Amino acid sequence: MVWPVGDRYRALIRLARGHDLARARVDDLLTPARNMATRVFAHGRRQGVFQTTVPPDPLGRAIEAQLLALLDCADCGLWSDDGTGAATLIAAGVAPDTAAAKVDQVRKSGSTPSPV
């Protein structure tokens, strides 16, 4: 899951993103995760699961920003979630019932499905 990693390193990510000199390095470090997110969103679009209004790469960047914002909200006590909920899938355009069922399926199986 992305949540524990983001939770642990979000302050460093935020600081690095705020400095233009470090931005290229942060982008380099995030490239593998961003590439995977783009593949997942492209696959989901082909399957009719994710919305098609926003292309996969920008959608991945938007979800990345949303995750950091949700972590901030959890930090401030505005929201309580351990990151295993379906909020990210819903933001990507998956119907809430479908997103909740998929998260439940992954929890029960104990493994993460293949991204593509």
PDB file of N, CA and C in Angstrom:
ATOM      1  N   MET A   1       0.827  -1.186   0.000  1.00  0.00           N
ATOM      2  CA  MET A   1       0.000   0.000   0.000  1.00  0.00           C
ATOM      3  C   MET A   1       0.880   1.262   0.000  1.00  0.00           C
ATOM      4  N   VAL A   2       0.396   2.269  -0.645  1.00  0.00           N
ATOM      5  CA  VAL A   2       1.112   3.533  -0.761  1.00  0.00           C
ATOM      6  C   VAL A   2       1.026   4.326   0.536  1.00  0.00           C
ATOM      7  N   TRP A   3      -0.077   4.207   1.231  1.00  0.00           N
ATOM      8  CA  TRP A   3      -0.351   5.030   2.406  1.00  0.00           C
ATOM      9  C   TRP A   3       0.763   4.996   3.446  1.00  0.00           C
ATOM     10  N   PRO A   4       1.218   3.830   3.922  1.00  0.00           N
ATOM     11  CA  PRO A   4       2.267   3.823   4.949  1.00  0.00           C
ATOM     12  C   PRO A   4       3.553   4.502   4.491  1.00  0.00           C
ATOM     13  N   VAL A   5       3.916   4.334   3.237  1.00  0.00           N
ATOM     14  CA  VAL A   5       5.132   4.964   2.718  1.00  0.00           C
ATOM     15  C   VAL A   5       4.947   6.471   2.667  1.00  0.00           C
ATOM     16  N   GLY A   6       3.805   6.906   2.122  1.00  0.00           N
ATOM     17  CA  GLY A   6       3.520   8.345   2.066  1.00  0.00           C
ATOM     18  C   GLY A   6       3.446   8.956   3.448  1.00  0.00           C
ATOM     19  N   ASP A   7       2.845   8.215   4.374  1.00  0.00           N
ATOM     20  CA  ASP A   7       2.726   8.703   5.741  1.00  0.00           C
ATOM     21  C   ASP A   7       4.108   8.901   6.361  1.00  0.00           C
ATOM     22  N   ARG A   8       4.996   7.974   6.107  1.00  0.00           N
ATOM     23  CA  ARG A   8       6.327   8.037   6.702  1.00  0.00           C
ATOM     24  C   ARG A   8       7.194   9.136   6.091  1.00  0.00           C
ATOM     25  N   TYR A   9       7.076   9.358   4.778  1.00  0.00           N
ATOM     26  CA  TYR A   9       7.985  10.251   4.075  1.00  0.00           C
ATOM     27  C   TYR A   9       7.352  11.530   3.538  1.00  0.00           C
ATOM     28  N   ARG A  10       6.098  11.797   3.873  1.00  0.00           N
ATOM     29  CA  ARG A  10       5.434  12.952   3.254  1.00  0.00           C
ATOM     30  C   ARG A  10       6.100  14.278   3.564  1.00  0.00           C
ATOM     31  N   ALA A  11       6.644  14.452   4.756  1.00  0.00           N
ATOM     32  CA  ALA A  11       7.315  15.717   5.081  1.00  0.00           C
ATOM     33  C   ALA A  11       8.535  15.910   4.183  1.00  0.00           C
ATOM     34  N   LEU A  12       9.293  14.845   3.963  1.00  0.00           N
ATOM     35  CA  LEU A  12      10.460  14.939   3.086  1.00  0.00           C
ATOM     36  C   LEU A  12      10.038  15.210   1.644  1.00  0.00           C
ATOM     37  N   ILE A  13       8.984  14.533   1.197  1.00  0.00           N
ATOM     38  CA  ILE A  13       8.493  14.755  -0.165  1.00  0.00           C
ATOM     39  C   ILE A  13       8.044  16.202  -0.326  1.00  0.00           C
ATOM     40  N   ARG A  14       7.308  16.718   0.648  1.00  0.00           N
ATOM     41  CA  ARG A  14       6.809  18.093   0.581  1.00  0.00           C
ATOM     42  C   ARG A  14       7.959  19.098   0.569  1.00  0.00           C
ATOM     43  N   LEU A  15       8.948  18.884   1.434  1.00  0.00           N
ATOM     44  CA  LEU A  15      10.099  19.787   1.464  1.00  0.00           C
ATOM     45  C   LEU A  15      10.859  19.751   0.144  1.00  0.00           C
ATOM     46  N   ALA A  16      11.098  18.554  -0.367  1.00  0.00           N
ATOM     47  CA  ALA A  16      11.854  18.426  -1.609  1.00  0.00           C
ATOM     48  C   ALA A  16      11.097  19.033  -2.786  1.00  0.00           C
ATOM     49  N   ARG A  17       9.784  18.866  -2.807  1.00  0.00           N
ATOM     50  CA  ARG A  17       8.993  19.415  -3.904  1.00  0.00           C
ATOM     51  C   ARG A  17       8.970  20.936  -3.877  1.00  0.00           C
ATOM     52  N   GLY A  18       9.179  21.527  -2.741  1.00  0.00           N
ATOM     53  CA  GLY A  18       9.139  22.977  -2.616  1.00  0.00           C
ATOM     54  C   GLY A  18      10.391  23.674  -3.102  1.00  0.00           C
ATOM     55  N   HIS A  19      11.441  22.921  -3.375  1.00  0.00           N
ATOM     56  CA  HIS A  19      12.705  23.498  -3.833  1.00  0.00           C
ATOM     57  C   HIS A  19      12.929  23.113  -5.282  1.00  0.00           C
ATOM     58  N   ASP A  20      13.069  24.090  -6.145  1.00  0.00           N
ATOM     59  CA  ASP A  20      13.220  23.823  -7.575  1.00  0.00           C
ATOM     60  C   ASP A  20      14.424  22.931  -7.878  1.00  0.00           C
ATOM     61  N   LEU A  21      15.521  23.093  -7.140  1.00  0.00           N
ATOM     62  CA  LEU A  21      16.706  22.279  -7.413  1.00  0.00           C
ATOM     63  C   LEU A  21      16.453  20.802  -7.122  1.00  0.00           C
ATOM     64  N   ALA A  22      15.623  20.507  -6.138  1.00  0.00           N
ATOM     65  CA  ALA A  22      15.368  19.124  -5.756  1.00  0.00           C
ATOM     66  C   ALA A  22      14.225  18.510  -6.569  1.00  0.00           C
ATOM     67  N   ARG A  23      13.454  19.328  -7.235  1.00  0.00           N
ATOM     68  CA  ARG A  23      12.280  18.823  -7.954  1.00  0.00           C
ATOM     69  C   ARG A  23      12.646  17.738  -8.962  1.00  0.00           C
ATOM     70  N   ALA A  24      13.719  17.935  -9.726  1.00  0.00           N
ATOM     71  CA  ALA A  24      14.124  16.934 -10.720  1.00  0.00           C
ATOM     72  C   ALA A  24      14.496  15.621 -10.032  1.00  0.00           C
ATOM     73  N   ARG A  25      15.156  15.718  -8.907  1.00  0.00           N
ATOM     74  CA  ARG A  25      15.546  14.502  -8.170  1.00  0.00           C
ATOM     75  C   ARG A  25      14.318  13.786  -7.624  1.00  0.00           C
ATOM     76  N   VAL A  26      13.356  14.538  -7.074  1.00  0.00           N
ATOM     77  CA  VAL A  26      12.122  13.934  -6.570  1.00  0.00           C
ATOM     78  C   VAL A  26      11.388  13.259  -7.718  1.00  0.00           C
ATOM     79  N   ASP A  27      11.326  13.930  -8.855  1.00  0.00           N
ATOM     80  CA  ASP A  27      10.684  13.339 -10.026  1.00  0.00           C
ATOM     81  C   ASP A  27      11.379  12.038 -10.435  1.00  0.00           C
ATOM     82  N   ASP A  28      12.706  12.029 -10.403  1.00  0.00           N
ATOM     83  CA  ASP A  28      13.450  10.813 -10.734  1.00  0.00           C
ATOM     84  C   ASP A  28      13.093   9.676  -9.769  1.00  0.00           C
ATOM     85  N   LEU A  29      13.029   9.999  -8.491  1.00  0.00           N
ATOM     86  CA  LEU A  29      12.723   8.983  -7.484  1.00  0.00           C
ATOM     87  C   LEU A  29      11.291   8.468  -7.602  1.00  0.00           C
ATOM     88  N   LEU A  30      10.373   9.341  -7.988  1.00  0.00           N
ATOM     89  CA  LEU A  30       8.971   8.949  -8.095  1.00  0.00           C
ATOM     90  C   LEU A  30       8.618   8.325  -9.445  1.00  0.00           C
ATOM     91  N   THR A  31       9.528   8.370 -10.400  1.00  0.00           N
ATOM     92  CA  THR A  31       9.232   7.858 -11.744  1.00  0.00           C
ATOM     93  C   THR A  31       8.734   6.415 -11.748  1.00  0.00           C
ATOM     94  N   PRO A  32       9.374   5.478 -11.041  1.00  0.00           N
ATOM     95  CA  PRO A  32       8.848   4.098 -11.083  1.00  0.00           C
ATOM     96  C   PRO A  32       7.403   3.998 -10.576  1.00  0.00           C
ATOM     97  N   ALA A  33       7.086   4.673  -9.481  1.00  0.00           N
ATOM     98  CA  ALA A  33       5.723   4.633  -8.952  1.00  0.00           C
ATOM     99  C   ALA A  33       4.758   5.324  -9.903  1.00  0.00           C
ATOM    100  N   ARG A  34       5.179   6.435 -10.473  1.00  0.00           N
ATOM    101  CA  ARG A  34       4.320   7.148 -11.421  1.00  0.00           C
ATOM    102  C   ARG A  34       4.073   6.309 -12.674  1.00  0.00           C
ATOM    103  N   ASN A  35       5.109   5.629 -13.156  1.00  0.00           N
ATOM    104  CA  ASN A  35       4.944   4.774 -14.326  1.00  0.00           C
ATOM    105  C   ASN A  35       3.960   3.636 -14.042  1.00  0.00           C
ATOM    106  N   MET A  36       4.065   3.048 -12.855  1.00  0.00           N
ATOM    107  CA  MET A  36       3.139   1.984 -12.491  1.00  0.00           C
ATOM    108  C   MET A  36       1.712   2.523 -12.410  1.00  0.00           C
ATOM    109  N   ALA A  37       1.544   3.694 -11.793  1.00  0.00           N
ATOM    110  CA  ALA A  37       0.211   4.292 -11.701  1.00  0.00           C
ATOM    111  C   ALA A  37      -0.356   4.554 -13.089  1.00  0.00           C
ATOM    112  N   THR A  38       0.460   5.042 -13.989  1.00  0.00           N
ATOM    113  CA  THR A  38       0.003   5.295 -15.355  1.00  0.00           C
ATOM    114  C   THR A  38      -0.439   3.998 -16.020  1.00  0.00           C
ATOM    115  N   ARG A  39       0.321   2.917 -15.830  1.00  0.00           N
ATOM    116  CA  ARG A  39      -0.067   1.617 -16.403  1.00  0.00           C
ATOM    117  C   ARG A  39      -1.383   1.126 -15.799  1.00  0.00           C
ATOM    118  N   VAL A  40      -1.527   1.279 -14.492  1.00  0.00           N
ATOM    119  CA  VAL A  40      -2.758   0.843 -13.821  1.00  0.00           C
ATOM    120  C   VAL A  40      -3.951   1.630 -14.357  1.00  0.00           C
ATOM    121  N   PHE A  41      -3.817   2.942 -14.463  1.00  0.00           N
ATOM    122  CA  PHE A  41      -4.929   3.756 -14.949  1.00  0.00           C
ATOM    123  C   PHE A  41      -5.239   3.468 -16.419  1.00  0.00           C
ATOM    124  N   ALA A  42      -4.213   3.251 -17.231  1.00  0.00           N
ATOM    125  CA  ALA A  42      -4.438   2.916 -18.645  1.00  0.00           C
ATOM    126  C   ALA A  42      -5.165   1.581 -18.759  1.00  0.00           C
ATOM    127  N   HIS A  43      -4.734   0.603 -17.971  1.00  0.00           N
ATOM    128  CA  HIS A  43      -5.383  -0.707 -17.971  1.00  0.00           C
ATOM    129  C   HIS A  43      -6.836  -0.583 -17.506  1.00  0.00           C
ATOM    130  N   GLY A  44      -7.035   0.164 -16.430  1.00  0.00           N
ATOM    131  CA  GLY A  44      -8.389   0.367 -15.917  1.00  0.00           C
ATOM    132  C   GLY A  44      -9.296   1.062 -16.912  1.00  0.00           C
ATOM    133  N   ARG A  45      -8.749   1.986 -17.656  1.00  0.00           N
ATOM    134  CA  ARG A  45      -9.534   2.666 -18.702  1.00  0.00           C
ATOM    135  C   ARG A  45      -9.954   1.675 -19.773  1.00  0.00           C
ATOM    136  N   ARG A  46      -9.014   0.820 -20.198  1.00  0.00           N
ATOM    137  CA  ARG A  46      -9.340  -0.185 -21.223  1.00  0.00           C
ATOM    138  C   ARG A  46     -10.414  -1.147 -20.729  1.00  0.00           C
ATOM    139  N   GLN A  47     -10.413  -1.420 -19.435  1.00  0.00           N
ATOM    140  CA  GLN A  47     -11.391  -2.328 -18.842  1.00  0.00           C
ATOM    141  C   GLN A  47     -12.717  -1.636 -18.529  1.00  0.00           C
ATOM    142  N   GLY A  48     -12.746  -0.311 -18.682  1.00  0.00           N
ATOM    143  CA  GLY A  48     -13.970   0.437 -18.379  1.00  0.00           C
ATOM    144  C   GLY A  48     -14.173   0.706 -16.896  1.00  0.00           C
ATOM    145  N   VAL A  49     -13.093   0.581 -16.107  1.00  0.00           N
ATOM    146  CA  VAL A  49     -13.185   0.761 -14.659  1.00  0.00           C
ATOM    147  C   VAL A  49     -12.927   2.205 -14.257  1.00  0.00           C
ATOM    148  N   PHE A  50     -11.920   2.848 -14.868  1.00  0.00           N
ATOM    149  CA  PHE A  50     -11.574   4.216 -14.532  1.00  0.00           C
ATOM    150  C   PHE A  50     -12.159   5.175 -15.555  1.00  0.00           C
ATOM    151  N   GLN A  51     -12.401   6.386 -15.112  1.00  0.00           N
ATOM    152  CA  GLN A  51     -12.939   7.410 -16.009  1.00  0.00           C
ATOM    153  C   GLN A  51     -11.939   7.723 -17.115  1.00  0.00           C
ATOM    154  N   THR A  52     -12.423   8.294 -18.190  1.00  0.00           N
ATOM    155  CA  THR A  52     -11.557   8.558 -19.335  1.00  0.00           C
ATOM    156  C   THR A  52     -11.398  10.040 -19.639  1.00  0.00           C
ATOM    157  N   THR A  53     -11.930  10.899 -18.796  1.00  0.00           N
ATOM    158  CA  THR A  53     -11.842  12.332 -19.038  1.00  0.00           C
ATOM    159  C   THR A  53     -10.405  12.831 -18.940  1.00  0.00           C
ATOM    160  N   VAL A  54      -9.676  12.359 -17.948  1.00  0.00           N
ATOM    161  CA  VAL A  54      -8.288  12.781 -17.725  1.00  0.00           C
ATOM    162  C   VAL A  54      -7.371  11.635 -18.154  1.00  0.00           C
ATOM    163  N   PRO A  55      -6.363  11.917 -18.977  1.00  0.00           N
ATOM    164  CA  PRO A  55      -5.431  10.861 -19.407  1.00  0.00           C
ATOM    165  C   PRO A  55      -4.710  10.220 -18.217  1.00  0.00           C
ATOM    166  N   PRO A  56      -4.213   8.978 -18.370  1.00  0.00           N
ATOM    167  CA  PRO A  56      -3.608   8.242 -17.261  1.00  0.00           C
ATOM    168  C   PRO A  56      -2.481   8.966 -16.513  1.00  0.00           C
ATOM    169  N   ASP A  57      -1.531   9.592 -17.216  1.00  0.00           N
ATOM    170  CA  ASP A  57      -0.410  10.235 -16.510  1.00  0.00           C
ATOM    171  C   ASP A  57      -0.871  11.412 -15.645  1.00  0.00           C
ATOM    172  N   PRO A  58      -1.646  12.356 -16.196  1.00  0.00           N
ATOM    173  CA  PRO A  58      -2.130  13.434 -15.331  1.00  0.00           C
ATOM    174  C   PRO A  58      -3.041  12.928 -14.208  1.00  0.00           C
ATOM    175  N   LEU A  59      -3.817  11.880 -14.471  1.00  0.00           N
ATOM    176  CA  LEU A  59      -4.672  11.325 -13.418  1.00  0.00           C
ATOM    177  C   LEU A  59      -3.811  10.775 -12.286  1.00  0.00           C
ATOM    178  N   GLY A  60      -2.720  10.098 -12.634  1.00  0.00           N
ATOM    179  CA  GLY A  60      -1.806   9.592 -11.606  1.00  0.00           C
ATOM    180  C   GLY A  60      -1.214  10.709 -10.767  1.00  0.00           C
ATOM    181  N   ARG A  61      -0.845  11.810 -11.420  1.00  0.00           N
ATOM    182  CA  ARG A  61      -0.295  12.962 -10.685  1.00  0.00           C
ATOM    183  C   ARG A  61      -1.360  13.565  -9.764  1.00  0.00           C
ATOM    184  N   ALA A  62      -2.606  13.604 -10.245  1.00  0.00           N
ATOM    185  CA  ALA A  62      -3.694  14.142  -9.425  1.00  0.00           C
ATOM    186  C   ALA A  62      -3.944  13.257  -8.200  1.00  0.00           C
ATOM    187  N   ILE A  63      -3.913  11.954  -8.402  1.00  0.00           N
ATOM    188  CA  ILE A  63      -4.111  11.023  -7.287  1.00  0.00           C
ATOM    189  C   ILE A  63      -2.957  11.130  -6.296  1.00  0.00           C
ATOM    190  N   GLU A  64      -1.744  11.300  -6.813  1.00  0.00           N
ATOM    191  CA  GLU A  64      -0.574  11.498  -5.945  1.00  0.00           C
ATOM    192  C   GLU A  64      -0.779  12.713  -5.043  1.00  0.00           C
ATOM    193  N   ALA A  65      -1.220  13.812  -5.630  1.00  0.00           N
ATOM    194  CA  ALA A  65      -1.469  15.030  -4.855  1.00  0.00           C
ATOM    195  C   ALA A  65      -2.604  14.810  -3.856  1.00  0.00           C
ATOM    196  N   GLN A  66      -3.630  14.066  -4.282  1.00  0.00           N
ATOM    197  CA  GLN A  66      -4.749  13.788  -3.388  1.00  0.00           C
ATOM    198  C   GLN A  66      -4.283  12.968  -2.182  1.00  0.00           C
ATOM    199  N   LEU A  67      -3.442  11.967  -2.413  1.00  0.00           N
ATOM    200  CA  LEU A  67      -2.948  11.159  -1.300  1.00  0.00           C
ATOM    201  C   LEU A  67      -2.219  12.015  -0.270  1.00  0.00           C
ATOM    202  N   LEU A  68      -1.380  12.933  -0.750  1.00  0.00           N
ATOM    203  CA  LEU A  68      -0.669  13.814   0.182  1.00  0.00           C
ATOM    204  C   LEU A  68      -1.650  14.715   0.937  1.00  0.00           C
ATOM    205  N   ALA A  69      -2.683  15.199   0.240  1.00  0.00           N
ATOM    206  CA  ALA A  69      -3.685  16.043   0.902  1.00  0.00           C
ATOM    207  C   ALA A  69      -4.467  15.240   1.943  1.00  0.00           C
ATOM    208  N   LEU A  70      -4.821  13.999   1.627  1.00  0.00           N
ATOM    209  CA  LEU A  70      -5.546  13.169   2.588  1.00  0.00           C
ATOM    210  C   LEU A  70      -4.683  12.847   3.802  1.00  0.00           C
ATOM    211  N   LEU A  71      -3.387  12.626   3.580  1.00  0.00           N
ATOM    212  CA  LEU A  71      -2.485  12.408   4.707  1.00  0.00           C
ATOM    213  C   LEU A  71      -2.443  13.638   5.608  1.00  0.00           C
ATOM    214  N   ASP A  72      -2.413  14.824   5.005  1.00  0.00           N
ATOM    215  CA  ASP A  72      -2.451  16.061   5.794  1.00  0.00           C
ATOM    216  C   ASP A  72      -3.740  16.150   6.596  1.00  0.00           C
ATOM    217  N   CYS A  73      -4.866  15.794   5.978  1.00  0.00           N
ATOM    218  CA  CYS A  73      -6.150  15.837   6.682  1.00  0.00           C
ATOM    219  C   CYS A  73      -6.167  14.849   7.847  1.00  0.00           C
ATOM    220  N   ALA A  74      -5.595  13.676   7.642  1.00  0.00           N
ATOM    221  CA  ALA A  74      -5.514  12.700   8.726  1.00  0.00           C
ATOM    222  C   ALA A  74      -4.634  13.233   9.846  1.00  0.00           C
ATOM    223  N   ASP A  75      -3.546  13.904   9.480  1.00  0.00           N
ATOM    224  CA  ASP A  75      -2.644  14.511  10.466  1.00  0.00           C
ATOM    225  C   ASP A  75      -3.351  15.551  11.321  1.00  0.00           C
ATOM    226  N   CYS A  76      -4.194  16.354  10.685  1.00  0.00           N
ATOM    227  CA  CYS A  76      -4.883  17.448  11.375  1.00  0.00           C
ATOM    228  C   CYS A  76      -6.143  16.984  12.106  1.00  0.00           C
ATOM    229  N   GLY A  77      -6.460  15.709  12.003  1.00  0.00           N
ATOM    230  CA  GLY A  77      -7.648  15.197  12.663  1.00  0.00           C
ATOM    231  C   GLY A  77      -8.940  15.485  11.920  1.00  0.00           C
ATOM    232  N   LEU A  78      -8.835  15.934  10.665  1.00  0.00           N
ATOM    233  CA  LEU A  78     -10.038  16.222   9.875  1.00  0.00           C
ATOM    234  C   LEU A  78     -10.646  14.955   9.292  1.00  0.00           C
ATOM    235  N   TRP A  79      -9.870  13.881   9.257  1.00  0.00           N
ATOM    236  CA  TRP A  79     -10.317  12.645   8.646  1.00  0.00           C
ATOM    237  C   TRP A  79      -9.563  11.492   9.280  1.00  0.00           C
ATOM    238  N   SER A  80     -10.223  10.386   9.457  1.00  0.00           N
ATOM    239  CA  SER A  80      -9.579   9.232  10.055  1.00  0.00           C
ATOM    240  C   SER A  80      -9.608   8.078   9.056  1.00  0.00           C
ATOM    241  N   ASP A  81      -8.441   7.670   8.617  1.00  0.00           N
ATOM    242  CA  ASP A  81      -8.337   6.578   7.663  1.00  0.00           C
ATOM    243  C   ASP A  81      -6.924   6.045   7.729  1.00  0.00           C
ATOM    244  N   ASP A  82      -6.800   4.744   7.576  1.00  0.00           N
ATOM    245  CA  ASP A  82      -5.467   4.151   7.587  1.00  0.00           C
ATOM    246  C   ASP A  82      -4.926   3.939   6.179  1.00  0.00           C
ATOM    247  N   GLY A  83      -5.634   4.460   5.182  1.00  0.00           N
ATOM    248  CA  GLY A  83      -5.179   4.367   3.808  1.00  0.00           C
ATOM    249  C   GLY A  83      -5.633   3.118   3.091  1.00  0.00           C
ATOM    250  N   THR A  84      -6.349   2.239   3.781  1.00  0.00           N
ATOM    251  CA  THR A  84      -6.791   1.008   3.136  1.00  0.00           C
ATOM    252  C   THR A  84      -8.213   1.135   2.609  1.00  0.00           C
ATOM    253  N   GLY A  85      -8.792   2.318   2.715  1.00  0.00           N
ATOM    254  CA  GLY A  85     -10.132   2.540   2.192  1.00  0.00           C
ATOM    255  C   GLY A  85     -10.119   2.719   0.689  1.00  0.00           C
ATOM    256  N   ALA A  86     -11.263   3.057   0.146  1.00  0.00           N
ATOM    257  CA  ALA A  86     -11.427   3.128  -1.300  1.00  0.00           C
ATOM    258  C   ALA A  86     -11.380   4.544  -1.846  1.00  0.00           C
ATOM    259  N   ALA A  87     -10.981   5.536  -1.044  1.00  0.00           N
ATOM    260  CA  ALA A  87     -11.033   6.937  -1.466  1.00  0.00           C
ATOM    261  C   ALA A  87     -10.254   7.194  -2.750  1.00  0.00           C
ATOM    262  N   THR A  88      -9.096   6.583  -2.898  1.00  0.00           N
ATOM    263  CA  THR A  88      -8.288   6.817  -4.095  1.00  0.00           C
ATOM    264  C   THR A  88      -8.953   6.234  -5.336  1.00  0.00           C
ATOM    265  N   LEU A  89      -9.522   5.046  -5.221  1.00  0.00           N
ATOM    266  CA  LEU A  89     -10.226   4.458  -6.360  1.00  0.00           C
ATOM    267  C   LEU A  89     -11.424   5.314  -6.756  1.00  0.00           C
ATOM    268  N   ILE A  90     -12.145   5.809  -5.760  1.00  0.00           N
ATOM    269  CA  ILE A  90     -13.308   6.647  -6.039  1.00  0.00           C
ATOM    270  C   ILE A  90     -12.866   7.927  -6.743  1.00  0.00           C
ATOM    271  N   ALA A  91     -11.771   8.520  -6.290  1.00  0.00           N
ATOM    272  CA  ALA A  91     -11.253   9.734  -6.931  1.00  0.00           C
ATOM    273  C   ALA A  91     -10.843   9.465  -8.374  1.00  0.00           C
ATOM    274  N   ALA A  92     -10.441   8.233  -8.671  1.00  0.00           N
ATOM    275  CA  ALA A  92     -10.041   7.873 -10.029  1.00  0.00           C
ATOM    276  C   ALA A  92     -11.249   7.589 -10.922  1.00  0.00           C
ATOM    277  N   GLY A  93     -12.440   7.659 -10.339  1.00  0.00           N
ATOM    278  CA  GLY A  93     -13.637   7.488 -11.143  1.00  0.00           C
ATOM    279  C   GLY A  93     -14.307   6.135 -11.011  1.00  0.00           C
ATOM    280  N   VAL A  94     -13.870   5.323 -10.057  1.00  0.00           N
ATOM    281  CA  VAL A  94     -14.514   4.033  -9.835  1.00  0.00           C
ATOM    282  C   VAL A  94     -15.751   4.266  -8.976  1.00  0.00           C
ATOM    283  N   ALA A  95     -16.833   3.602  -9.322  1.00  0.00           N
ATOM    284  CA  ALA A  95     -18.063   3.725  -8.540  1.00  0.00           C
ATOM    285  C   ALA A  95     -17.783   3.306  -7.095  1.00  0.00           C
ATOM    286  N   PRO A  96     -18.348   4.020  -6.111  1.00  0.00           N
ATOM    287  CA  PRO A  96     -18.059   3.707  -4.706  1.00  0.00           C
ATOM    288  C   PRO A  96     -18.300   2.249  -4.324  1.00  0.00           C
ATOM    289  N   ASP A  97     -19.386   1.640  -4.788  1.00  0.00           N
ATOM    290  CA  ASP A  97     -19.654   0.244  -4.448  1.00  0.00           C
ATOM    291  C   ASP A  97     -18.595  -0.691  -5.036  1.00  0.00           C
ATOM    292  N   THR A  98     -18.202  -0.424  -6.277  1.00  0.00           N
ATOM    293  CA  THR A  98     -17.181  -1.238  -6.932  1.00  0.00           C
ATOM    294  C   THR A  98     -15.840  -1.069  -6.228  1.00  0.00           C
ATOM    295  N   ALA A  99     -15.495   0.159  -5.867  1.00  0.00           N
ATOM    296  CA  ALA A  99     -14.224   0.432  -5.177  1.00  0.00           C
ATOM    297  C   ALA A  99     -14.177  -0.287  -3.835  1.00  0.00           C
ATOM    298  N   ALA A 100     -15.259  -0.193  -3.070  1.00  0.00           N
ATOM    299  CA  ALA A 100     -15.305  -0.847  -1.764  1.00  0.00           C
ATOM    300  C   ALA A 100     -15.195  -2.362  -1.907  1.00  0.00           C
ATOM    301  N   ALA A 101     -15.858  -2.932  -2.914  1.00  0.00           N
ATOM    302  CA  ALA A 101     -15.788  -4.377  -3.138  1.00  0.00           C
ATOM    303  C   ALA A 101     -14.369  -4.800  -3.506  1.00  0.00           C
ATOM    304  N   LYS A 102     -13.688  -4.015  -4.335  1.00  0.00           N
ATOM    305  CA  LYS A 102     -12.314  -4.345  -4.739  1.00  0.00           C
ATOM    306  C   LYS A 102     -11.365  -4.290  -3.546  1.00  0.00           C
ATOM    307  N   VAL A 103     -11.499  -3.258  -2.721  1.00  0.00           N
ATOM    308  CA  VAL A 103     -10.657  -3.147  -1.525  1.00  0.00           C
ATOM    309  C   VAL A 103     -10.915  -4.328  -0.598  1.00  0.00           C
ATOM    310  N   ASP A 104     -12.181  -4.703  -0.434  1.00  0.00           N
ATOM    311  CA  ASP A 104     -12.535  -5.839   0.417  1.00  0.00           C
ATOM    312  C   ASP A 104     -11.930  -7.131  -0.139  1.00  0.00           C
ATOM    313  N   GLN A 105     -11.977  -7.294  -1.451  1.00  0.00           N
ATOM    314  CA  GLN A 105     -11.406  -8.477  -2.096  1.00  0.00           C
ATOM    315  C   GLN A 105      -9.900  -8.555  -1.849  1.00  0.00           C
ATOM    316  N   VAL A 106      -9.210  -7.439  -1.981  1.00  0.00           N
ATOM    317  CA  VAL A 106      -7.763  -7.416  -1.750  1.00  0.00           C
ATOM    318  C   VAL A 106      -7.458  -7.719  -0.292  1.00  0.00           C
ATOM    319  N   ARG A 107      -8.234  -7.142   0.626  1.00  0.00           N
ATOM    320  CA  ARG A 107      -8.021  -7.419   2.063  1.00  0.00           C
ATOM    321  C   ARG A 107      -8.175  -8.901   2.359  1.00  0.00           C
ATOM    322  N   LYS A 108      -9.219  -9.514   1.816  1.00  0.00           N
ATOM    323  CA  LYS A 108      -9.485 -10.933   2.089  1.00  0.00           C
ATOM    324  C   LYS A 108      -8.433 -11.846   1.486  1.00  0.00           C
ATOM    325  N   SER A 109      -7.931 -11.486   0.307  1.00  0.00           N
ATOM    326  CA  SER A 109      -6.937 -12.333  -0.352  1.00  0.00           C
ATOM    327  C   SER A 109      -5.559 -12.160   0.258  1.00  0.00           C
ATOM    328  N   GLY A 110      -5.333 -10.996   0.886  1.00  0.00           N
ATOM    329  CA  GLY A 110      -4.033 -10.745   1.499  1.00  0.00           C
ATOM    330  C   GLY A 110      -2.947 -10.389   0.505  1.00  0.00           C
ATOM    331  N   SER A 111      -3.331 -10.163  -0.749  1.00  0.00           N
ATOM    332  CA  SER A 111      -2.329  -9.800  -1.745  1.00  0.00           C
ATOM    333  C   SER A 111      -2.868  -8.702  -2.638  1.00  0.00           C
ATOM    334  N   THR A 112      -1.945  -8.019  -3.301  1.00  0.00           N
ATOM    335  CA  THR A 112      -2.299  -6.948  -4.199  1.00  0.00           C
ATOM    336  C   THR A 112      -2.426  -7.522  -5.606  1.00  0.00           C
ATOM    337  N   PRO A 113      -3.529  -7.207  -6.304  1.00  0.00           N
ATOM    338  CA  PRO A 113      -3.652  -7.709  -7.667  1.00  0.00           C
ATOM    339  C   PRO A 113      -2.619  -7.083  -8.593  1.00  0.00           C
ATOM    340  N   SER A 114      -2.324  -7.760  -9.661  1.00  0.00           N
ATOM    341  CA  SER A 114      -1.372  -7.270 -10.650  1.00  0.00           C
ATOM    342  C   SER A 114      -1.850  -5.944 -11.215  1.00  0.00           C
ATOM    343  N   PRO A 115      -0.955  -4.950 -11.386  1.00  0.00           N
ATOM    344  CA  PRO A 115      -1.371  -3.641 -11.871  1.00  0.00           C
ATOM    345  C   PRO A 115      -1.751  -3.642 -13.335  1.00  0.00           C
ATOM    346  N   VAL A 116      -1.300  -4.601 -14.108  1.00  0.00           N
ATOM    347  CA  VAL A 116      -1.635  -4.632 -15.536  1.00  0.00           C
ATOM    348  C   VAL A 116      -1.889  -6.048 -15.985  1.00  0.00           C
TER     349      VAL A 116
END
